[in-house]
């Protein structure tokens, strides 16, 4: 999916395929406390999990025209 030059510049240098985007952030119930803090800071009162974020991301990608095969691999 093509991206703008500005967006490409925000990415920084390319890493290895197995590298994490957010190094040091692990997925666990303990780490979800940060997620809940971000949600609270945003004023959201609904019970939201990391899994909800994944669905929202996928839905937004599909609505913006990303093909379902690409979304399924994210």
Protein backbone atom coordinates (compact mmCIF):
# COMPACT_ATOMS: atom_id res chain seq x y z
CA UNK A 1 0.00 0.00 0.00
CA UNK A 2 1.63 3.28 -1.05
CA UNK A 3 2.33 5.85 1.67
CA UNK A 4 3.31 9.51 1.52
CA UNK A 5 6.94 10.61 1.68
CA UNK A 6 6.22 12.27 5.05
CA UNK A 7 4.83 9.03 6.50
CA UNK A 8 7.81 7.11 5.12
CA UNK A 9 10.21 9.53 6.84
CA UNK A 10 8.47 8.99 10.19
CA UNK A 11 9.24 5.27 9.95
CA UNK A 12 12.98 5.77 10.44
CA UNK A 13 15.49 3.20 9.30
CA UNK A 14 14.25 -0.26 8.34
CA UNK A 15 14.72 -2.97 10.95
CA UNK A 16 14.94 -6.73 10.65
CA UNK A 17 11.68 -8.58 9.81
CA UNK A 18 11.46 -10.19 13.28
CA UNK A 19 12.05 -6.97 15.24
CA UNK A 20 9.23 -5.56 17.36
CA UNK A 21 7.69 -2.20 16.56
CA UNK A 22 7.47 -1.30 20.26
CA UNK A 23 10.58 -2.88 21.74
CA UNK A 24 10.12 -3.82 25.38
CA UNK A 25 6.31 -3.78 25.26
CA UNK A 26 5.01 -7.27 25.94
CA UNK A 27 1.46 -8.48 25.79
CA UNK A 28 0.23 -9.69 29.15
CA UNK A 29 -2.43 -8.91 31.72
CA UNK A 30 0.21 -7.00 33.67
CA UNK A 31 1.12 -4.85 30.67
CA UNK A 32 -2.54 -4.12 29.99
CA UNK A 33 -2.38 -1.67 32.89
CA UNK A 34 -0.63 0.78 30.53
CA UNK A 35 -3.38 0.28 28.01
CA UNK A 36 -5.99 1.07 30.67
CA UNK A 37 -4.06 4.20 31.65
CA UNK A 38 -4.04 5.40 28.03
CA UNK A 39 -7.76 4.68 27.71
CA UNK A 40 -8.49 6.55 30.93
CA UNK A 41 -6.36 9.51 29.85
CA UNK A 42 -8.38 9.66 26.63
CA UNK A 43 -11.60 9.84 28.67
CA UNK A 44 -12.92 6.51 27.37
CA UNK A 45 -15.11 4.70 29.90
CA UNK A 46 -15.87 1.59 27.84
CA UNK A 47 -14.04 -1.65 28.75
CA UNK A 48 -11.45 -1.96 25.99
CA UNK A 49 -8.75 -4.61 25.56
CA UNK A 50 -5.74 -4.98 23.30
CA UNK A 51 -7.86 -7.38 21.25
CA UNK A 52 -10.39 -4.57 20.64
CA UNK A 53 -7.59 -2.39 19.32
CA UNK A 54 -6.61 -5.09 16.84
CA UNK A 55 -10.18 -5.28 15.53
CA UNK A 56 -10.46 -1.50 15.29
CA UNK A 57 -7.18 -1.32 13.37
CA UNK A 58 -8.30 -4.03 10.95
CA UNK A 59 -11.70 -2.40 10.41
CA UNK A 60 -10.12 1.00 9.72
CA UNK A 61 -7.64 -0.55 7.28
CA UNK A 62 -10.44 -2.30 5.39
CA UNK A 63 -12.55 0.87 5.26
CA UNK A 64 -9.57 2.78 3.83
CA UNK A 65 -9.19 0.25 1.02
CA UNK A 66 -6.49 -2.12 2.24
CA UNK A 67 -7.16 -5.57 0.83
CA UNK A 68 -8.26 -8.24 3.29
CA UNK A 69 -5.23 -10.45 2.59
CA UNK A 70 -2.85 -7.69 3.69
CA UNK A 71 -4.95 -6.91 6.78
CA UNK A 72 -5.00 -10.59 7.74
CA UNK A 73 -1.18 -10.65 7.82
CA UNK A 74 -0.86 -7.69 10.26
